[in-house]
């Protein structure tokens, strides 16, 4: 009898082990396609992301060679730490509304002020907003990860939420960030614009490996063109933001290229990290310290992840490369509808919605504007700053100047 029990127990263990191996190596996530049958609306509300991480026992030490997430303090409890002498590390920290801070902080480090001040999209964009140039009447579409629908930054601007091959079951940090940078009430470049959003996976998981396949992104672009045909002329979608680059050797590249051409024919500018491939437009993201003024051009420098290349290679940037804010940005957080998150390091993912928002402002003041004119005028009106690094001076150019750009485009009507 005992022998039978042992055999049965071993059999159960083997079955469970095989099932676990199958799940982890062969079971793909569930991908959902969920679109409106009639009209425009919200097809699903994702739950907020529970990012609770408990107590942090020891603050990491920052090094320029470390991962950009080495100083990730989002949703940690630091209340029992003494950080009075850790300013150099804290200056490179990511944190959010749920980060619990200790009383013992450096006098120079003010996380609540940073979180608030870095909502400003910078480069005097808010001056345009005060003049009524905020993207009103223009539609911006975003194709990205799952979105926290009801965040206060963009819930009133959101007109459509659909899913095409989406595996996200809760809200994501990426979706909330790019949406708020584009159209956020306080964070966004174009807070008056309408937002049309499609949640889409850029591939699929097979045997623990993520395989890029852009056919679903192409379908999402085609869907946006289809939706745009139902929108009144005065409120058309003029730009799509996709915070992803596409390589020619990857699956679905041909479909993406064809979909972008279709969008162009229908008056829609598709902004992605591969603008140079599809439009011949070069761009990069700017760095900035957390405490510096987002509206002051002298606050800006090369982005953290590429500054070493800039200082080592004098011709790293072309004369036609446009520079947009990237580092030290506060965005909407997926953890709650009123939460925010500060990202010390950014990526081109943050510049794409910035460009899309700025193009929406251009479309508002001059509905006949096209991507080529927009980009050329942005280069012509761009600014330069001189930077001192290790005793040497460097020119950083061309930083986009939204005020000059919009004034120039408006005058061309």
Protein backbone atom coordinates (compact mmCIF):
# COMPACT_ATOMS: atom_id res chain seq x y z
CA UNK A 1 0.00 0.00 0.00
CA UNK A 2 2.76 2.39 0.99
CA UNK A 3 4.57 1.57 -2.23
CA UNK A 4 1.48 2.49 -4.27
CA UNK A 5 1.18 5.82 -2.43
CA UNK A 6 4.81 6.62 -3.21
CA UNK A 7 4.33 5.73 -6.90
CA UNK A 8 1.18 7.86 -7.11
CA UNK A 9 2.94 10.79 -5.39
CA UNK A 10 5.90 10.57 -7.77
CA UNK A 11 3.52 10.40 -10.74
CA UNK A 12 1.69 13.53 -9.58
CA UNK A 13 4.99 15.38 -9.17
CA UNK A 14 6.06 14.34 -12.68
CA UNK A 15 2.72 15.41 -14.17
CA UNK A 16 2.88 18.79 -12.41
CA UNK A 17 6.49 19.28 -13.51
CA UNK A 18 5.66 18.48 -17.13
CA UNK A 19 2.64 20.80 -16.97
CA UNK A 20 4.83 23.59 -15.55
CA UNK A 21 7.46 23.08 -18.24
CA UNK A 22 4.74 23.14 -20.91
CA UNK A 23 3.24 26.32 -19.49
CA UNK A 24 6.51 28.21 -19.29
CA UNK A 25 7.95 27.05 -22.59
CA UNK A 26 4.97 26.48 -24.85
CA UNK A 27 1.96 28.34 -23.47
CA UNK A 28 1.63 31.78 -25.02
CA UNK A 29 -0.18 34.67 -23.33
CA UNK A 30 -3.74 35.23 -24.43
CA UNK A 31 -3.93 37.88 -27.13
CA UNK A 32 -7.15 39.85 -27.38
CA UNK A 33 -8.66 41.72 -30.30
CA UNK A 34 -11.54 43.88 -29.16
CA UNK A 35 -12.93 46.57 -31.46
CA UNK A 36 -16.05 48.70 -31.59
CA UNK A 37 -18.70 47.21 -33.86
CA UNK A 38 -20.51 50.50 -34.36
CA UNK A 39 -19.08 53.94 -33.83
CA UNK A 40 -16.27 55.02 -31.53
CA UNK A 41 -15.93 54.15 -27.86
CA UNK A 42 -14.05 52.41 -25.06
CA UNK A 43 -14.02 48.62 -25.39
CA UNK A 44 -12.36 47.71 -22.08
CA UNK A 45 -11.19 49.22 -18.78
CA UNK A 46 -7.95 47.71 -17.48
CA UNK A 47 -7.23 47.62 -13.75
CA UNK A 48 -4.51 49.87 -12.36
CA UNK A 49 -1.08 48.30 -12.02
CA UNK A 50 -0.24 47.13 -8.49
CA UNK A 51 3.46 47.98 -8.35
CA UNK A 52 3.85 47.74 -4.56
CA UNK A 53 7.43 46.72 -3.79
CA UNK A 54 7.62 46.85 -0.02
CA UNK A 55 10.45 48.23 2.08
CA UNK A 56 13.85 49.06 0.61
CA UNK A 57 16.57 48.02 3.05
CA UNK A 58 19.47 49.80 1.35
CA UNK A 59 19.67 52.48 -1.34
CA UNK A 60 21.62 51.37 -4.46
CA UNK A 61 24.68 53.33 -5.58
CA UNK A 62 24.50 55.04 -8.95
CA UNK A 63 27.20 54.60 -11.57
CA UNK A 64 27.14 55.93 -15.16
CA UNK A 65 27.88 52.36 -16.25
CA UNK A 66 24.88 50.93 -14.40
CA UNK A 67 21.54 50.03 -15.87
CA UNK A 68 19.18 52.99 -16.22
CA UNK A 69 16.95 51.23 -13.69
CA UNK A 70 19.66 50.91 -11.01
CA UNK A 71 18.10 53.83 -9.11
CA UNK A 72 14.50 52.74 -9.60
CA UNK A 73 12.67 53.77 -6.42
CA UNK A 74 9.13 53.59 -7.79
CA UNK A 75 6.57 52.44 -5.19
CA UNK A 76 9.24 51.52 -2.63
CA UNK A 77 9.03 52.33 1.06
CA UNK A 78 12.23 54.19 1.97
CA UNK A 79 10.86 55.70 5.17
CA UNK A 80 13.34 53.91 7.47
CA UNK A 81 16.47 54.94 5.56
CA UNK A 82 18.80 57.83 6.29
CA UNK A 83 19.58 59.41 2.92
CA UNK A 84 21.00 62.75 4.04
CA UNK A 85 24.38 62.08 2.39
CA UNK A 86 23.08 60.37 -0.77
CA UNK A 87 22.38 63.37 -3.02
CA UNK A 88 24.64 62.16 -5.86
CA UNK A 89 22.68 58.91 -6.07
CA UNK A 90 19.24 60.46 -5.62
CA UNK A 91 19.86 62.87 -8.50
CA UNK A 92 19.53 59.85 -10.82
CA UNK A 93 16.48 58.26 -9.18
CA UNK A 94 13.16 57.27 -10.73
CA UNK A 95 10.24 57.55 -8.29
CA UNK A 96 6.47 57.94 -8.21
CA UNK A 97 3.53 59.12 -6.14
CA UNK A 98 3.65 55.91 -4.11
CA UNK A 99 7.33 56.17 -3.16
CA UNK A 100 7.51 56.68 0.61
CA UNK A 101 10.33 59.05 1.53
CA UNK A 102 12.19 59.34 4.84
CA UNK A 103 12.52 62.59 6.76
CA UNK A 104 16.29 62.27 6.41
CA UNK A 105 16.84 63.60 2.88
CA UNK A 106 19.45 66.01 1.47
CA UNK A 107 18.24 69.62 1.60
CA UNK A 108 18.86 69.95 -2.14
CA UNK A 109 16.70 66.96 -3.05
CA UNK A 110 13.00 67.83 -3.08
CA UNK A 111 11.08 64.91 -4.64
CA UNK A 112 7.64 66.51 -4.46
CA UNK A 113 8.86 69.66 -6.23
CA UNK A 114 10.61 67.57 -8.89
CA UNK A 115 7.48 65.49 -9.48
CA UNK A 116 5.44 68.66 -9.98
CA UNK A 117 7.92 70.81 -11.93
CA UNK A 118 8.83 68.07 -14.40
CA UNK A 119 5.23 67.78 -15.55
CA UNK A 120 6.04 70.85 -17.63
CA UNK A 121 6.63 69.73 -21.26
CA UNK A 122 9.23 72.48 -21.48
CA UNK A 123 10.62 74.75 -24.20
CA UNK A 124 7.87 77.27 -23.38
CA UNK A 125 5.11 75.05 -24.78
CA UNK A 126 2.75 76.33 -22.09
CA UNK A 127 2.97 79.84 -23.58
CA UNK A 128 1.32 78.42 -26.70
CA UNK A 129 -1.35 76.78 -24.54
CA UNK A 130 -2.16 80.12 -22.93
CA UNK A 131 -2.71 81.52 -26.44
CA UNK A 132 -5.22 78.76 -27.17
CA UNK A 133 -2.80 76.71 -29.27
CA UNK A 134 -3.24 73.36 -27.56
CA UNK A 135 -4.21 70.93 -30.34
CA UNK A 136 -7.95 71.56 -30.13
CA UNK A 137 -9.76 70.03 -33.11
CA UNK A 138 -6.88 67.67 -33.92
CA UNK A 139 -6.85 63.91 -33.34
CA UNK A 140 -3.74 62.08 -32.13
CA UNK A 141 -3.71 58.28 -32.33
CA UNK A 142 -1.37 56.13 -30.26
CA UNK A 143 -0.51 52.47 -30.75
CA UNK A 144 1.10 51.12 -27.61
CA UNK A 145 0.62 48.91 -24.55
CA UNK A 146 -2.44 48.63 -22.30
CA UNK A 147 -3.75 51.94 -20.96
CA UNK A 148 -5.17 53.08 -17.63
CA UNK A 149 -8.28 54.56 -19.22
CA UNK A 150 -9.44 56.88 -16.44
CA UNK A 151 -6.25 58.75 -15.55
CA UNK A 152 -7.03 62.42 -14.91
CA UNK A 153 -4.34 63.52 -17.38
CA UNK A 154 -6.13 62.24 -20.47
CA UNK A 155 -9.50 60.64 -19.66
CA UNK A 156 -11.46 63.60 -21.05
CA UNK A 157 -9.43 63.63 -24.27
CA UNK A 158 -9.76 59.87 -24.85
CA UNK A 159 -12.32 59.15 -27.58
CA UNK A 160 -11.46 55.57 -28.47
CA UNK A 161 -9.79 52.55 -26.88
CA UNK A 162 -9.50 49.29 -28.78
CA UNK A 163 -7.29 46.20 -28.67
CA UNK A 164 -5.65 44.41 -31.58
CA UNK A 165 -3.55 41.39 -30.58
CA UNK A 166 -3.05 42.78 -27.07
CA UNK A 167 -1.83 40.64 -24.18
CA UNK A 168 -2.03 43.27 -21.44
CA UNK A 169 -4.40 42.42 -18.60
CA UNK A 170 -3.55 45.44 -16.42
CA UNK A 171 -2.50 49.00 -17.22
CA UNK A 172 1.13 49.54 -18.26
CA UNK A 173 3.70 52.22 -17.51
CA UNK A 174 4.40 52.79 -21.20
CA UNK A 175 0.82 53.48 -22.25
CA UNK A 176 0.17 55.99 -19.48
CA UNK A 177 3.46 57.78 -20.11
CA UNK A 178 3.18 58.26 -23.87
CA UNK A 179 -0.48 59.29 -23.68
CA UNK A 180 0.19 61.95 -21.06
CA UNK A 181 3.24 63.31 -22.91
CA UNK A 182 1.11 63.71 -26.04
CA UNK A 183 -2.21 65.03 -24.67
CA UNK A 184 -1.98 65.20 -20.86
CA UNK A 185 -3.73 68.15 -19.20
CA UNK A 186 -0.61 69.22 -17.30
CA UNK A 187 2.08 66.96 -18.80
CA UNK A 188 1.13 67.08 -22.46
CA UNK A 189 2.30 69.01 -25.49
CA UNK A 190 -1.23 69.07 -26.97
CA UNK A 191 -3.70 68.92 -24.05
CA UNK A 192 -6.60 70.05 -26.22
CA UNK A 193 -6.21 67.27 -28.79
CA UNK A 194 -8.43 64.20 -29.01
CA UNK A 195 -6.83 60.84 -28.22
CA UNK A 196 -7.53 57.62 -30.14
CA UNK A 197 -5.75 54.63 -28.63
CA UNK A 198 -5.13 51.06 -29.78
CA UNK A 199 -3.46 48.60 -27.42
CA UNK A 200 -1.32 46.25 -29.48
CA UNK A 201 1.50 43.78 -28.85
CA UNK A 202 4.47 44.16 -31.18
CA UNK A 203 4.91 40.41 -31.54
CA UNK A 204 4.31 37.29 -29.51
CA UNK A 205 5.98 35.11 -26.88
CA UNK A 206 7.11 31.61 -27.78
CA UNK A 207 9.22 29.40 -25.51
CA UNK A 208 10.08 32.31 -23.23
CA UNK A 209 11.31 34.36 -26.18
CA UNK A 210 9.66 37.51 -27.51
CA UNK A 211 9.47 37.46 -31.29
CA UNK A 212 8.77 40.76 -33.02
CA UNK A 213 6.08 40.67 -35.68
CA UNK A 214 4.59 43.95 -36.83
CA UNK A 215 1.61 42.68 -38.80
CA UNK A 216 -0.70 43.65 -35.93
CA UNK A 217 0.81 47.13 -35.69
CA UNK A 218 0.16 47.48 -39.42
CA UNK A 219 -3.43 46.36 -38.85
CA UNK A 220 -3.72 48.97 -36.09
CA UNK A 221 -2.56 51.73 -38.46
CA UNK A 222 -5.08 50.54 -41.04
CA UNK A 223 -7.78 50.54 -38.37
CA UNK A 224 -6.96 54.14 -37.45
CA UNK A 225 -7.27 55.16 -41.11
CA UNK A 226 -10.64 53.41 -41.20
CA UNK A 227 -11.79 55.19 -38.03
CA UNK A 228 -10.60 58.52 -39.41
CA UNK A 229 -12.93 58.15 -42.37
CA UNK A 230 -15.86 58.31 -39.92
CA UNK A 231 -14.65 61.45 -38.12
CA UNK A 232 -15.86 64.91 -39.10
CA UNK A 233 -13.44 67.00 -41.16
CA UNK A 234 -12.84 69.50 -38.35
CA UNK A 235 -11.66 66.80 -35.93
CA UNK A 236 -9.60 64.45 -38.08
CA UNK A 237 -6.71 62.34 -36.80
CA UNK A 238 -3.58 63.97 -38.20
CA UNK A 239 -0.82 62.00 -36.49
CA UNK A 240 -0.13 58.52 -35.11
CA UNK A 241 2.53 57.98 -32.42
CA UNK A 242 4.23 54.59 -32.18
CA UNK A 243 7.11 54.52 -29.70
CA UNK A 244 8.98 51.71 -31.44
CA UNK A 245 11.61 51.34 -34.12
CA UNK A 246 11.26 48.85 -36.97
CA UNK A 247 14.09 46.89 -38.58
CA UNK A 248 13.91 45.73 -42.19
CA UNK A 249 14.85 42.16 -41.27
CA UNK A 250 12.02 41.81 -38.74
CA UNK A 251 8.72 40.12 -39.55
CA UNK A 252 5.98 42.48 -40.60
CA UNK A 253 8.28 45.27 -41.81
CA UNK A 254 6.77 45.24 -45.30
CA UNK A 255 3.27 45.43 -43.81
CA UNK A 256 4.31 48.36 -41.59
CA UNK A 257 5.80 50.21 -44.55
CA UNK A 258 2.64 49.71 -46.61
CA UNK A 259 0.41 50.80 -43.71
CA UNK A 260 2.45 53.98 -43.18
CA UNK A 261 2.13 54.79 -46.88
CA UNK A 262 -1.63 54.27 -46.60
CA UNK A 263 -1.77 56.64 -43.63
CA UNK A 264 0.26 59.25 -45.54
CA UNK A 265 -2.17 59.11 -48.46
CA UNK A 266 -4.95 59.80 -45.97
CA UNK A 267 -3.24 62.84 -44.46
CA UNK A 268 -1.85 61.14 -41.35
CA UNK A 269 1.79 61.56 -40.21
CA UNK A 270 3.09 58.36 -38.56
CA UNK A 271 5.72 59.22 -35.94
CA UNK A 272 7.86 56.30 -34.80
CA UNK A 273 11.45 55.73 -33.68
CA UNK A 274 12.18 54.91 -37.34
CA UNK A 275 11.35 58.34 -38.77
CA UNK A 276 14.68 58.37 -40.62
CA UNK A 277 13.73 55.20 -42.52
CA UNK A 278 10.22 56.21 -43.50
CA UNK A 279 10.55 60.00 -43.85
CA UNK A 280 14.27 60.80 -43.77
CA UNK A 281 13.84 62.74 -40.50
CA UNK A 282 16.55 62.43 -37.82
CA UNK A 283 15.82 63.16 -34.16
CA UNK A 284 17.22 62.55 -30.70
CA UNK A 285 16.27 63.09 -27.06
CA UNK A 286 17.60 65.76 -24.71
CA UNK A 287 18.94 65.35 -21.20
CA UNK A 288 18.20 67.62 -18.25
CA UNK A 289 18.82 67.56 -14.50
CA UNK A 290 15.72 67.14 -12.29
CA UNK A 291 15.96 70.57 -10.66
CA UNK A 292 16.60 72.64 -13.80
CA UNK A 293 13.99 74.82 -15.52
CA UNK A 294 12.28 72.92 -18.38
CA UNK A 295 11.63 76.21 -20.22
CA UNK A 296 15.28 77.36 -20.15
CA UNK A 297 17.20 76.13 -23.19
CA UNK A 298 20.47 76.20 -21.23
CA UNK A 299 19.02 73.48 -18.98
CA UNK A 300 19.36 70.96 -21.77
CA UNK A 301 22.24 68.70 -22.72
CA UNK A 302 22.67 65.33 -24.45
CA UNK A 303 20.46 62.56 -23.11
CA UNK A 304 21.96 60.40 -20.37
CA UNK A 305 22.16 57.29 -22.52
CA UNK A 306 24.00 58.93 -25.41
CA UNK A 307 25.98 61.82 -23.89
CA UNK A 308 29.23 59.81 -23.80
CA UNK A 309 29.04 59.27 -27.58
CA UNK A 310 28.31 62.97 -28.11
CA UNK A 311 31.41 64.11 -26.21
CA UNK A 312 33.66 61.48 -27.80
CA UNK A 313 32.49 61.96 -31.38
CA UNK A 314 32.21 65.60 -32.57
CA UNK A 315 30.03 64.65 -35.54
CA UNK A 316 27.73 62.31 -33.61
CA UNK A 317 24.71 64.49 -34.48
CA UNK A 318 23.93 65.63 -38.00
CA UNK A 319 23.09 69.26 -38.74
CA UNK A 320 19.58 68.12 -39.62
CA UNK A 321 18.98 66.20 -36.37
CA UNK A 322 16.18 67.70 -34.30
CA UNK A 323 16.37 67.46 -30.51
CA UNK A 324 13.33 67.10 -28.23
CA UNK A 325 12.93 66.80 -24.41
CA UNK A 326 13.41 63.27 -23.10
CA UNK A 327 15.06 62.92 -19.66
CA UNK A 328 13.68 64.09 -16.30
CA UNK A 329 10.00 63.88 -17.22
CA UNK A 330 7.00 63.40 -14.98
CA UNK A 331 4.19 61.44 -16.63
CA UNK A 332 0.92 59.79 -15.71
CA UNK A 333 1.44 56.60 -13.71
CA UNK A 334 -0.50 53.36 -14.28
CA UNK A 335 -0.78 52.75 -10.51
CA UNK A 336 -3.80 55.02 -9.93
CA UNK A 337 -5.90 57.55 -11.82
CA UNK A 338 -4.28 60.43 -9.89
CA UNK A 339 -0.73 59.04 -9.60
CA UNK A 340 2.36 60.39 -11.34
CA UNK A 341 5.84 59.01 -11.96
CA UNK A 342 9.17 60.76 -12.52
CA UNK A 343 11.56 59.15 -14.99
CA UNK A 344 15.11 60.44 -14.61
CA UNK A 345 16.24 58.60 -17.75
CA UNK A 346 14.13 58.72 -20.85
CA UNK A 347 14.28 57.06 -24.24
CA UNK A 348 13.14 57.83 -27.75
CA UNK A 349 9.79 56.42 -26.61
CA UNK A 350 9.24 59.71 -24.76
CA UNK A 351 10.24 61.90 -27.71
CA UNK A 352 7.81 60.25 -30.17
CA UNK A 353 4.61 61.48 -28.41
CA UNK A 354 6.27 64.89 -27.94
CA UNK A 355 6.78 65.17 -31.69
CA UNK A 356 3.22 63.98 -32.32
CA UNK A 357 1.85 66.59 -29.93
CA UNK A 358 3.87 69.37 -31.54
CA UNK A 359 2.65 68.33 -34.98
CA UNK A 360 -0.92 68.54 -33.67
CA UNK A 361 -0.28 72.16 -32.63
CA UNK A 362 1.06 72.86 -36.12
CA UNK A 363 -2.05 71.32 -37.69
CA UNK A 364 -4.26 73.48 -35.48
CA UNK A 365 -2.70 76.74 -36.67
CA UNK A 366 -2.26 75.59 -40.28
CA UNK A 367 -4.48 72.66 -41.35
CA UNK A 368 -2.64 72.41 -44.69
CA UNK A 369 0.72 71.63 -43.08
CA UNK A 370 2.47 68.42 -44.19
CA UNK A 371 5.20 66.45 -42.35
CA UNK A 372 7.97 67.61 -44.72
CA UNK A 373 7.12 71.31 -44.23
CA UNK A 374 6.77 70.84 -40.49
CA UNK A 375 10.17 69.19 -40.17
CA UNK A 376 11.96 71.66 -42.42
CA UNK A 377 10.55 74.63 -40.50
CA UNK A 378 11.47 72.95 -37.21
CA UNK A 379 15.09 72.73 -38.38
CA UNK A 380 15.11 76.32 -39.65
CA UNK A 381 13.71 77.70 -36.38
CA UNK A 382 15.70 75.39 -34.08
CA UNK A 383 18.08 76.75 -31.45
CA UNK A 384 21.58 75.89 -30.23
CA UNK A 385 23.21 75.98 -26.81
CA UNK A 386 26.86 75.81 -25.77
CA UNK A 387 27.78 73.16 -23.21
CA UNK A 388 30.96 72.99 -21.13
CA UNK A 389 32.15 69.47 -20.36
CA UNK A 390 35.55 68.57 -18.86
CA UNK A 391 36.88 72.02 -19.73
CA UNK A 392 35.78 71.87 -23.37
CA UNK A 393 32.89 73.62 -25.10
CA UNK A 394 30.42 71.82 -27.31
CA UNK A 395 27.55 73.11 -29.44
CA UNK A 396 24.26 71.25 -29.03
CA UNK A 397 22.04 71.84 -32.06
CA UNK A 398 19.21 71.82 -33.24
CA UNK A 399 16.91 72.03 -30.27
CA UNK A 400 13.32 72.44 -31.43
CA UNK A 401 11.85 75.86 -30.64
CA UNK A 402 8.06 75.40 -30.43
CA UNK A 403 7.29 79.13 -30.20
CA UNK A 404 9.25 80.08 -33.32
CA UNK A 405 8.08 76.97 -35.15
CA UNK A 406 4.38 77.53 -34.58
CA UNK A 407 4.66 81.26 -35.34
CA UNK A 408 6.36 80.45 -38.66
CA UNK A 409 3.85 77.76 -39.63
CA UNK A 410 0.92 79.97 -38.64
CA UNK A 411 2.25 82.79 -40.85
CA UNK A 412 2.33 80.45 -43.86
CA UNK A 413 -1.45 79.96 -43.99
